[in-house]
Amino acid sequence: MASKRTTYTPEFKLQAVKMITDQKLSVAEVGRRLGVSENRLHEWKKAVLANGVVAFPGTGHLTPLEEENRRLRAENKRLEMERDILKKATAFFAALTK
């Protein structure tokens, strides 16, 4: 039987990283206290050092960079569709004038 995947809140993750950085506890000690693997704690620490407090946006929430990327991809798709419609319209009216 497969075990249920544990999810942690962004606040929990930030607090765990603060225990490592601010309280100068070892990753192994924090892992034992919180019941979290050392590898996961290293990943969280790396994410916080790279992105700060916005490292864990939560489920369904995108970072500002990801949100901009999503918006730009959608805009690009819309513009390509508009371009294709204009190409077809041009070809249609060109055929009518012959």
PDB file of N, CA and C in Angstrom:
ATOM      1  N   MET A   1       0.838  -1.177   0.000  1.00  0.00           N
ATOM      2  CA  MET A   1       0.000   0.000   0.000  1.00  0.00           C
ATOM      3  C   MET A   1       0.888   1.246   0.000  1.00  0.00           C
ATOM      4  N   ALA A   2       0.602   2.149  -0.909  1.00  0.00           N
ATOM      5  CA  ALA A   2       1.415   3.357  -1.042  1.00  0.00           C
ATOM      6  C   ALA A   2       1.086   4.327   0.080  1.00  0.00           C
ATOM      7  N   SER A   3       2.120   5.003   0.574  1.00  0.00           N
ATOM      8  CA  SER A   3       1.901   5.977   1.632  1.00  0.00           C
ATOM      9  C   SER A   3       1.479   7.313   1.029  1.00  0.00           C
ATOM     10  N   LYS A   4       0.717   8.073   1.787  1.00  0.00           N
ATOM     11  CA  LYS A   4       0.248   9.382   1.329  1.00  0.00           C
ATOM     12  C   LYS A   4       1.411  10.371   1.353  1.00  0.00           C
ATOM     13  N   ARG A   5       1.522  11.140   0.315  1.00  0.00           N
ATOM     14  CA  ARG A   5       2.594  12.126   0.215  1.00  0.00           C
ATOM     15  C   ARG A   5       2.318  13.265   1.198  1.00  0.00           C
ATOM     16  N   THR A   6       3.315  13.603   1.979  1.00  0.00           N
ATOM     17  CA  THR A   6       3.179  14.664   2.964  1.00  0.00           C
ATOM     18  C   THR A   6       3.408  16.014   2.308  1.00  0.00           C
ATOM     19  N   THR A   7       2.512  16.943   2.577  1.00  0.00           N
ATOM     20  CA  THR A   7       2.697  18.302   2.078  1.00  0.00           C
ATOM     21  C   THR A   7       2.932  19.220   3.273  1.00  0.00           C
ATOM     22  N   TYR A   8       3.770  20.202   3.062  1.00  0.00           N
ATOM     23  CA  TYR A   8       4.130  21.139   4.120  1.00  0.00           C
ATOM     24  C   TYR A   8       3.732  22.542   3.691  1.00  0.00           C
ATOM     25  N   THR A   9       3.295  23.330   4.633  1.00  0.00           N
ATOM     26  CA  THR A   9       2.913  24.703   4.324  1.00  0.00           C
ATOM     27  C   THR A   9       4.169  25.545   4.092  1.00  0.00           C
ATOM     28  N   PRO A  10       4.023  26.630   3.340  1.00  0.00           N
ATOM     29  CA  PRO A  10       5.172  27.518   3.141  1.00  0.00           C
ATOM     30  C   PRO A  10       5.724  28.051   4.463  1.00  0.00           C
ATOM     31  N   GLU A  11       4.838  28.312   5.425  1.00  0.00           N
ATOM     32  CA  GLU A  11       5.286  28.814   6.729  1.00  0.00           C
ATOM     33  C   GLU A  11       6.156  27.781   7.445  1.00  0.00           C
ATOM     34  N   PHE A  12       5.747  26.505   7.368  1.00  0.00           N
ATOM     35  CA  PHE A  12       6.512  25.428   7.991  1.00  0.00           C
ATOM     36  C   PHE A  12       7.903  25.342   7.365  1.00  0.00           C
ATOM     37  N   LYS A  13       7.950  25.416   6.039  1.00  0.00           N
ATOM     38  CA  LYS A  13       9.227  25.326   5.334  1.00  0.00           C
ATOM     39  C   LYS A  13      10.152  26.490   5.717  1.00  0.00           C
ATOM     40  N   LEU A  14       9.591  27.700   5.743  1.00  0.00           N
ATOM     41  CA  LEU A  14      10.402  28.865   6.108  1.00  0.00           C
ATOM     42  C   LEU A  14      10.899  28.763   7.543  1.00  0.00           C
ATOM     43  N   GLN A  15      10.048  28.272   8.443  1.00  0.00           N
ATOM     44  CA  GLN A  15      10.453  28.122   9.835  1.00  0.00           C
ATOM     45  C   GLN A  15      11.569  27.086   9.963  1.00  0.00           C
ATOM     46  N   ALA A  16      11.471  26.001   9.198  1.00  0.00           N
ATOM     47  CA  ALA A  16      12.514  24.979   9.230  1.00  0.00           C
ATOM     48  C   ALA A  16      13.844  25.552   8.756  1.00  0.00           C
ATOM     49  N   VAL A  17      13.807  26.344   7.691  1.00  0.00           N
ATOM     50  CA  VAL A  17      15.040  26.944   7.171  1.00  0.00           C
ATOM     51  C   VAL A  17      15.593  27.948   8.169  1.00  0.00           C
ATOM     52  N   LYS A  18      14.724  28.685   8.860  1.00  0.00           N
ATOM     53  CA  LYS A  18      15.187  29.637   9.871  1.00  0.00           C
ATOM     54  C   LYS A  18      15.869  28.916  11.026  1.00  0.00           C
ATOM     55  N   MET A  19      15.392  27.729  11.357  1.00  0.00           N
ATOM     56  CA  MET A  19      16.044  26.951  12.417  1.00  0.00           C
ATOM     57  C   MET A  19      17.480  26.626  12.016  1.00  0.00           C
ATOM     58  N   ILE A  20      17.675  26.358  10.741  1.00  0.00           N
ATOM     59  CA  ILE A  20      19.015  26.008  10.255  1.00  0.00           C
ATOM     60  C   ILE A  20      19.901  27.251  10.193  1.00  0.00           C
ATOM     61  N   THR A  21      19.354  28.332   9.628  1.00  0.00           N
ATOM     62  CA  THR A  21      20.185  29.516   9.395  1.00  0.00           C
ATOM     63  C   THR A  21      20.304  30.411  10.622  1.00  0.00           C
ATOM     64  N   ASP A  22      19.187  30.744  11.249  1.00  0.00           N
ATOM     65  CA  ASP A  22      19.212  31.694  12.370  1.00  0.00           C
ATOM     66  C   ASP A  22      19.657  31.057  13.679  1.00  0.00           C
ATOM     67  N   GLN A  23      19.134  29.869  13.972  1.00  0.00           N
ATOM     68  CA  GLN A  23      19.454  29.217  15.241  1.00  0.00           C
ATOM     69  C   GLN A  23      20.726  28.382  15.163  1.00  0.00           C
ATOM     70  N   LYS A  24      21.304  28.306  13.969  1.00  0.00           N
ATOM     71  CA  LYS A  24      22.561  27.582  13.741  1.00  0.00           C
ATOM     72  C   LYS A  24      22.472  26.109  14.130  1.00  0.00           C
ATOM     73  N   LEU A  25      21.281  25.503  13.929  1.00  0.00           N
ATOM     74  CA  LEU A  25      21.137  24.072  14.172  1.00  0.00           C
ATOM     75  C   LEU A  25      21.570  23.329  12.912  1.00  0.00           C
ATOM     76  N   SER A  26      22.050  22.109  13.091  1.00  0.00           N
ATOM     77  CA  SER A  26      22.458  21.319  11.927  1.00  0.00           C
ATOM     78  C   SER A  26      21.222  20.833  11.191  1.00  0.00           C
ATOM     79  N   VAL A  27      21.408  20.535   9.920  1.00  0.00           N
ATOM     80  CA  VAL A  27      20.303  20.037   9.102  1.00  0.00           C
ATOM     81  C   VAL A  27      19.798  18.713   9.679  1.00  0.00           C
ATOM     82  N   ALA A  28      20.724  17.879  10.152  1.00  0.00           N
ATOM     83  CA  ALA A  28      20.331  16.598  10.724  1.00  0.00           C
ATOM     84  C   ALA A  28      19.476  16.795  11.971  1.00  0.00           C
ATOM     85  N   GLU A  29      19.851  17.751  12.821  1.00  0.00           N
ATOM     86  CA  GLU A  29      19.100  18.012  14.044  1.00  0.00           C
ATOM     87  C   GLU A  29      17.691  18.524  13.736  1.00  0.00           C
ATOM     88  N   VAL A  30      17.585  19.448  12.804  1.00  0.00           N
ATOM     89  CA  VAL A  30      16.276  19.980  12.417  1.00  0.00           C
ATOM     90  C   VAL A  30      15.425  18.860  11.801  1.00  0.00           C
ATOM     91  N   GLY A  31      16.051  18.026  10.998  1.00  0.00           N
ATOM     92  CA  GLY A  31      15.339  16.901  10.403  1.00  0.00           C
ATOM     93  C   GLY A  31      14.770  15.964  11.452  1.00  0.00           C
ATOM     94  N   ARG A  32      15.563  15.671  12.475  1.00  0.00           N
ATOM     95  CA  ARG A  32      15.085  14.801  13.554  1.00  0.00           C
ATOM     96  C   ARG A  32      13.951  15.460  14.330  1.00  0.00           C
ATOM     97  N   ARG A  33      14.103  16.738  14.618  1.00  0.00           N
ATOM     98  CA  ARG A  33      13.076  17.447  15.395  1.00  0.00           C
ATOM     99  C   ARG A  33      11.748  17.537  14.654  1.00  0.00           C
ATOM    100  N   LEU A  34      11.807  17.788  13.356  1.00  0.00           N
ATOM    101  CA  LEU A  34      10.590  18.017  12.583  1.00  0.00           C
ATOM    102  C   LEU A  34      10.088  16.785  11.837  1.00  0.00           C
ATOM    103  N   GLY A  35      10.909  15.762  11.760  1.00  0.00           N
ATOM    104  CA  GLY A  35      10.508  14.565  11.030  1.00  0.00           C
ATOM    105  C   GLY A  35      10.556  14.751   9.528  1.00  0.00           C
ATOM    106  N   VAL A  36      11.524  15.522   9.081  1.00  0.00           N
ATOM    107  CA  VAL A  36      11.691  15.815   7.656  1.00  0.00           C
ATOM    108  C   VAL A  36      13.070  15.320   7.243  1.00  0.00           C
ATOM    109  N   SER A  37      13.172  14.773   6.030  1.00  0.00           N
ATOM    110  CA  SER A  37      14.459  14.254   5.580  1.00  0.00           C
ATOM    111  C   SER A  37      15.464  15.379   5.374  1.00  0.00           C
ATOM    112  N   GLU A  38      16.723  15.044   5.518  1.00  0.00           N
ATOM    113  CA  GLU A  38      17.791  16.034   5.346  1.00  0.00           C
ATOM    114  C   GLU A  38      17.818  16.567   3.911  1.00  0.00           C
ATOM    115  N   ASN A  39      17.588  15.667   2.947  1.00  0.00           N
ATOM    116  CA  ASN A  39      17.597  16.107   1.549  1.00  0.00           C
ATOM    117  C   ASN A  39      16.536  17.165   1.294  1.00  0.00           C
ATOM    118  N   ARG A  40      15.349  16.950   1.851  1.00  0.00           N
ATOM    119  CA  ARG A  40      14.272  17.919   1.664  1.00  0.00           C
ATOM    120  C   ARG A  40      14.650  19.253   2.312  1.00  0.00           C
ATOM    121  N   LEU A  41      15.249  19.201   3.487  1.00  0.00           N
ATOM    122  CA  LEU A  41      15.660  20.438   4.158  1.00  0.00           C
ATOM    123  C   LEU A  41      16.714  21.185   3.349  1.00  0.00           C
ATOM    124  N   HIS A  42      17.632  20.447   2.744  1.00  0.00           N
ATOM    125  CA  HIS A  42      18.645  21.089   1.888  1.00  0.00           C
ATOM    126  C   HIS A  42      17.971  21.765   0.688  1.00  0.00           C
ATOM    127  N   GLU A  43      16.975  21.108   0.099  1.00  0.00           N
ATOM    128  CA  GLU A  43      16.254  21.702  -1.031  1.00  0.00           C
ATOM    129  C   GLU A  43      15.551  22.981  -0.615  1.00  0.00           C
ATOM    130  N   TRP A  44      14.896  22.959   0.542  1.00  0.00           N
ATOM    131  CA  TRP A  44      14.193  24.141   1.037  1.00  0.00           C
ATOM    132  C   TRP A  44      15.168  25.278   1.299  1.00  0.00           C
ATOM    133  N   LYS A  45      16.296  24.952   1.911  1.00  0.00           N
ATOM    134  CA  LYS A  45      17.297  25.982   2.214  1.00  0.00           C
ATOM    135  C   LYS A  45      17.819  26.610   0.926  1.00  0.00           C
ATOM    136  N   LYS A  46      18.093  25.772  -0.059  1.00  0.00           N
ATOM    137  CA  LYS A  46      18.585  26.249  -1.352  1.00  0.00           C
ATOM    138  C   LYS A  46      17.540  27.163  -2.014  1.00  0.00           C
ATOM    139  N   ALA A  47      16.264  26.788  -1.934  1.00  0.00           N
ATOM    140  CA  ALA A  47      15.194  27.590  -2.528  1.00  0.00           C
ATOM    141  C   ALA A  47      15.068  28.939  -1.827  1.00  0.00           C
ATOM    142  N   VAL A  48      15.182  28.947  -0.511  1.00  0.00           N
ATOM    143  CA  VAL A  48      15.070  30.202   0.237  1.00  0.00           C
ATOM    144  C   VAL A  48      16.255  31.109  -0.063  1.00  0.00           C
ATOM    145  N   LEU A  49      17.443  30.555  -0.148  1.00  0.00           N
ATOM    146  CA  LEU A  49      18.617  31.366  -0.454  1.00  0.00           C
ATOM    147  C   LEU A  49      18.526  31.949  -1.862  1.00  0.00           C
ATOM    148  N   ALA A  50      17.910  31.211  -2.794  1.00  0.00           N
ATOM    149  CA  ALA A  50      17.800  31.683  -4.168  1.00  0.00           C
ATOM    150  C   ALA A  50      16.665  32.689  -4.356  1.00  0.00           C
ATOM    151  N   ASN A  51      15.514  32.448  -3.686  1.00  0.00           N
ATOM    152  CA  ASN A  51      14.321  33.251  -3.957  1.00  0.00           C
ATOM    153  C   ASN A  51      13.779  34.033  -2.766  1.00  0.00           C
ATOM    154  N   GLY A  52      14.349  33.868  -1.610  1.00  0.00           N
ATOM    155  CA  GLY A  52      13.861  34.580  -0.432  1.00  0.00           C
ATOM    156  C   GLY A  52      12.536  34.029   0.064  1.00  0.00           C
ATOM    157  N   VAL A  53      11.729  34.901   0.643  1.00  0.00           N
ATOM    158  CA  VAL A  53      10.477  34.451   1.245  1.00  0.00           C
ATOM    159  C   VAL A  53       9.426  34.033   0.221  1.00  0.00           C
ATOM    160  N   VAL A  54       9.619  34.350  -1.050  1.00  0.00           N
ATOM    161  CA  VAL A  54       8.677  33.918  -2.085  1.00  0.00           C
ATOM    162  C   VAL A  54       9.068  32.571  -2.686  1.00  0.00           C
ATOM    163  N   ALA A  55       9.947  31.850  -2.008  1.00  0.00           N
ATOM    164  CA  ALA A  55      10.434  30.572  -2.528  1.00  0.00           C
ATOM    165  C   ALA A  55       9.338  29.523  -2.596  1.00  0.00           C
ATOM    166  N   PHE A  56       8.332  29.635  -1.743  1.00  0.00           N
ATOM    167  CA  PHE A  56       7.275  28.634  -1.682  1.00  0.00           C
ATOM    168  C   PHE A  56       5.930  29.305  -1.912  1.00  0.00           C
ATOM    169  N   PRO A  57       5.532  29.493  -3.170  1.00  0.00           N
ATOM    170  CA  PRO A  57       4.292  30.208  -3.443  1.00  0.00           C
ATOM    171  C   PRO A  57       3.042  29.432  -3.055  1.00  0.00           C
ATOM    172  N   GLY A  58       3.140  28.132  -2.889  1.00  0.00           N
ATOM    173  CA  GLY A  58       1.978  27.334  -2.508  1.00  0.00           C
ATOM    174  C   GLY A  58       1.336  26.669  -3.712  1.00  0.00           C
ATOM    175  N   THR A  59       0.406  25.796  -3.445  1.00  0.00           N
ATOM    176  CA  THR A  59      -0.266  25.052  -4.493  1.00  0.00           C
ATOM    177  C   THR A  59      -1.136  25.986  -5.324  1.00  0.00           C
ATOM    178  N   GLY A  60      -0.942  25.952  -6.626  1.00  0.00           N
ATOM    179  CA  GLY A  60      -1.750  26.762  -7.518  1.00  0.00           C
ATOM    180  C   GLY A  60      -1.302  28.203  -7.637  1.00  0.00           C
ATOM    181  N   HIS A  61      -0.348  28.611  -6.864  1.00  0.00           N
ATOM    182  CA  HIS A  61       0.144  29.983  -6.926  1.00  0.00           C
ATOM    183  C   HIS A  61       1.470  29.976  -7.679  1.00  0.00           C
ATOM    184  N   LEU A  62       1.607  30.916  -8.555  1.00  0.00           N
ATOM    185  CA  LEU A  62       2.829  31.008  -9.344  1.00  0.00           C
ATOM    186  C   LEU A  62       3.698  32.137  -8.826  1.00  0.00           C
ATOM    187  N   THR A  63       4.980  31.952  -9.001  1.00  0.00           N
ATOM    188  CA  THR A  63       5.892  33.039  -8.670  1.00  0.00           C
ATOM    189  C   THR A  63       5.666  34.151  -9.696  1.00  0.00           C
ATOM    190  N   PRO A  64       6.076  35.367  -9.405  1.00  0.00           N
ATOM    191  CA  PRO A  64       5.873  36.454 -10.379  1.00  0.00           C
ATOM    192  C   PRO A  64       6.489  36.149 -11.746  1.00  0.00           C
ATOM    193  N   LEU A  65       7.637  35.512 -11.764  1.00  0.00           N
ATOM    194  CA  LEU A  65       8.277  35.167 -13.028  1.00  0.00           C
ATOM    195  C   LEU A  65       7.463  34.131 -13.796  1.00  0.00           C
ATOM    196  N   GLU A  66       6.960  33.103 -13.094  1.00  0.00           N
ATOM    197  CA  GLU A  66       6.136  32.085 -13.742  1.00  0.00           C
ATOM    198  C   GLU A  66       4.823  32.672 -14.240  1.00  0.00           C
ATOM    199  N   GLU A  67       4.254  33.589 -13.464  1.00  0.00           N
ATOM    200  CA  GLU A  67       3.001  34.244 -13.864  1.00  0.00           C
ATOM    201  C   GLU A  67       3.211  35.070 -15.133  1.00  0.00           C
ATOM    202  N   GLU A  68       4.313  35.808 -15.196  1.00  0.00           N
ATOM    203  CA  GLU A  68       4.604  36.592 -16.398  1.00  0.00           C
ATOM    204  C   GLU A  68       4.838  35.672 -17.595  1.00  0.00           C
ATOM    205  N   ASN A  69       5.537  34.573 -17.378  1.00  0.00           N
ATOM    206  CA  ASN A  69       5.792  33.611 -18.448  1.00  0.00           C
ATOM    207  C   ASN A  69       4.474  33.041 -18.973  1.00  0.00           C
ATOM    208  N   ARG A  70       3.548  32.688 -18.069  1.00  0.00           N
ATOM    209  CA  ARG A  70       2.242  32.157 -18.464  1.00  0.00           C
ATOM    210  C   ARG A  70       1.471  33.192 -19.275  1.00  0.00           C
ATOM    211  N   ARG A  71       1.489  34.451 -18.804  1.00  0.00           N
ATOM    212  CA  ARG A  71       0.774  35.522 -19.489  1.00  0.00           C
ATOM    213  C   ARG A  71       1.350  35.771 -20.880  1.00  0.00           C
ATOM    214  N   LEU A  72       2.670  35.779 -20.991  1.00  0.00           N
ATOM    215  CA  LEU A  72       3.312  36.024 -22.286  1.00  0.00           C
ATOM    216  C   LEU A  72       3.053  34.884 -23.268  1.00  0.00           C
ATOM    217  N   ARG A  73       3.047  33.656 -22.769  1.00  0.00           N
ATOM    218  CA  ARG A  73       2.734  32.519 -23.653  1.00  0.00           C
ATOM    219  C   ARG A  73       1.305  32.618 -24.180  1.00  0.00           C
ATOM    220  N   ALA A  74       0.365  32.996 -23.320  1.00  0.00           N
ATOM    221  CA  ALA A  74      -1.021  33.143 -23.741  1.00  0.00           C
ATOM    222  C   ALA A  74      -1.155  34.260 -24.774  1.00  0.00           C
ATOM    223  N   GLU A  75      -0.468  35.372 -24.541  1.00  0.00           N
ATOM    224  CA  GLU A  75      -0.513  36.487 -25.490  1.00  0.00           C
ATOM    225  C   GLU A  75       0.103  36.088 -26.827  1.00  0.00           C
ATOM    226  N   ASN A  76       1.198  35.357 -26.785  1.00  0.00           N
ATOM    227  CA  ASN A  76       1.853  34.896 -28.008  1.00  0.00           C
ATOM    228  C   ASN A  76       0.910  33.993 -28.806  1.00  0.00           C
ATOM    229  N   LYS A  77       0.213  33.108 -28.128  1.00  0.00           N
ATOM    230  CA  LYS A  77      -0.725  32.199 -28.791  1.00  0.00           C
ATOM    231  C   LYS A  77      -1.859  32.993 -29.452  1.00  0.00           C
ATOM    232  N   ARG A  78      -2.381  34.002 -28.738  1.00  0.00           N
ATOM    233  CA  ARG A  78      -3.455  34.836 -29.276  1.00  0.00           C
ATOM    234  C   ARG A  78      -2.982  35.592 -30.516  1.00  0.00           C
ATOM    235  N   LEU A  79      -1.777  36.157 -30.456  1.00  0.00           N
ATOM    236  CA  LEU A  79      -1.251  36.910 -31.594  1.00  0.00           C
ATOM    237  C   LEU A  79      -0.999  36.011 -32.802  1.00  0.00           C
ATOM    238  N   GLU A  80      -0.546  34.782 -32.566  1.00  0.00           N
ATOM    239  CA  GLU A  80      -0.347  33.845 -33.675  1.00  0.00           C
ATOM    240  C   GLU A  80      -1.677  33.506 -34.338  1.00  0.00           C
ATOM    241  N   MET A  81      -2.714  33.334 -33.527  1.00  0.00           N
ATOM    242  CA  MET A  81      -4.037  33.052 -34.091  1.00  0.00           C
ATOM    243  C   MET A  81      -4.534  34.232 -34.930  1.00  0.00           C
ATOM    244  N   GLU A  82      -4.341  35.450 -34.427  1.00  0.00           N
ATOM    245  CA  GLU A  82      -4.751  36.633 -35.176  1.00  0.00           C
ATOM    246  C   GLU A  82      -3.994  36.729 -36.500  1.00  0.00           C
ATOM    247  N   ARG A  83      -2.697  36.446 -36.457  1.00  0.00           N
ATOM    248  CA  ARG A  83      -1.881  36.480 -37.672  1.00  0.00           C
ATOM    249  C   ARG A  83      -2.383  35.461 -38.692  1.00  0.00           C
ATOM    250  N   ASP A  84      -2.697  34.246 -38.223  1.00  0.00           N
ATOM    251  CA  ASP A  84      -3.183  33.203 -39.122  1.00  0.00           C
ATOM    252  C   ASP A  84      -4.521  33.584 -39.752  1.00  0.00           C
ATOM    253  N   ILE A  85      -5.391  34.222 -38.957  1.00  0.00           N
ATOM    254  CA  ILE A  85      -6.683  34.668 -39.488  1.00  0.00           C
ATOM    255  C   ILE A  85      -6.469  35.713 -40.569  1.00  0.00           C
ATOM    256  N   LEU A  86      -5.558  36.649 -40.327  1.00  0.00           N
ATOM    257  CA  LEU A  86      -5.287  37.688 -41.330  1.00  0.00           C
ATOM    258  C   LEU A  86      -4.683  37.102 -42.609  1.00  0.00           C
ATOM    259  N   LYS A  87      -3.830  36.099 -42.481  1.00  0.00           N
ATOM    260  CA  LYS A  87      -3.263  35.441 -43.665  1.00  0.00           C
ATOM    261  C   LYS A  87      -4.362  34.794 -44.492  1.00  0.00           C
ATOM    262  N   LYS A  88      -5.285  34.110 -43.816  1.00  0.00           N
ATOM    263  CA  LYS A  88      -6.377  33.435 -44.523  1.00  0.00           C
ATOM    264  C   LYS A  88      -7.307  34.449 -45.174  1.00  0.00           C
ATOM    265  N   ALA A  89      -7.579  35.548 -44.482  1.00  0.00           N
ATOM    266  CA  ALA A  89      -8.439  36.578 -45.044  1.00  0.00           C
ATOM    267  C   ALA A  89      -7.791  37.214 -46.273  1.00  0.00           C
ATOM    268  N   THR A  90      -6.504  37.470 -46.200  1.00  0.00           N
ATOM    269  CA  THR A  90      -5.779  38.038 -47.335  1.00  0.00           C
ATOM    270  C   THR A  90      -5.851  37.099 -48.537  1.00  0.00           C
ATOM    271  N   ALA A  91      -5.634  35.824 -48.284  1.00  0.00           N
ATOM    272  CA  ALA A  91      -5.687  34.844 -49.372  1.00  0.00           C
ATOM    273  C   ALA A  91      -7.107  34.761 -49.952  1.00  0.00           C
ATOM    274  N   PHE A  92      -8.111  34.827 -49.094  1.00  0.00           N
ATOM    275  CA  PHE A  92      -9.501  34.751 -49.534  1.00  0.00           C
ATOM    276  C   PHE A  92      -9.851  35.935 -50.431  1.00  0.00           C
ATOM    277  N   PHE A  93      -9.515  37.163 -49.973  1.00  0.00           N
ATOM    278  CA  PHE A  93      -9.844  38.344 -50.773  1.00  0.00           C
ATOM    279  C   PHE A  93      -8.997  38.434 -52.030  1.00  0.00           C
ATOM    280  N   ALA A  94      -7.791  37.917 -51.982  1.00  0.00           N
ATOM    281  CA  ALA A  94      -6.957  37.900 -53.191  1.00  0.00           C
ATOM    282  C   ALA A  94      -7.575  36.982 -54.237  1.00  0.00           C
ATOM    283  N   ALA A  95      -8.155  35.872 -53.792  1.00  0.00           N
ATOM    284  CA  ALA A  95      -8.786  34.938 -54.712  1.00  0.00           C
ATOM    285  C   ALA A  95     -10.064  35.533 -55.315  1.00  0.00           C
ATOM    286  N   LEU A  96     -10.757  36.374 -54.583  1.00  0.00           N
ATOM    287  CA  LEU A  96     -11.983  36.997 -55.081  1.00  0.00           C
ATOM    288  C   LEU A  96     -11.713  38.005 -56.179  1.00  0.00           C
ATOM    289  N   THR A  97     -10.574  38.682 -56.116  1.00  0.00           N
ATOM    290  CA  THR A  97     -10.270  39.734 -57.083  1.00  0.00           C
ATOM    291  C   THR A  97      -9.764  39.176 -58.417  1.00  0.00           C
ATOM    292  N   LYS A  98      -9.448  37.903 -58.467  1.00  0.00           N
ATOM    293  CA  LYS A  98      -8.944  37.318 -59.725  1.00  0.00           C
ATOM    294  C   LYS A  98     -10.053  36.983 -60.655  1.00  0.00           C
TER     295      LYS A  98
END
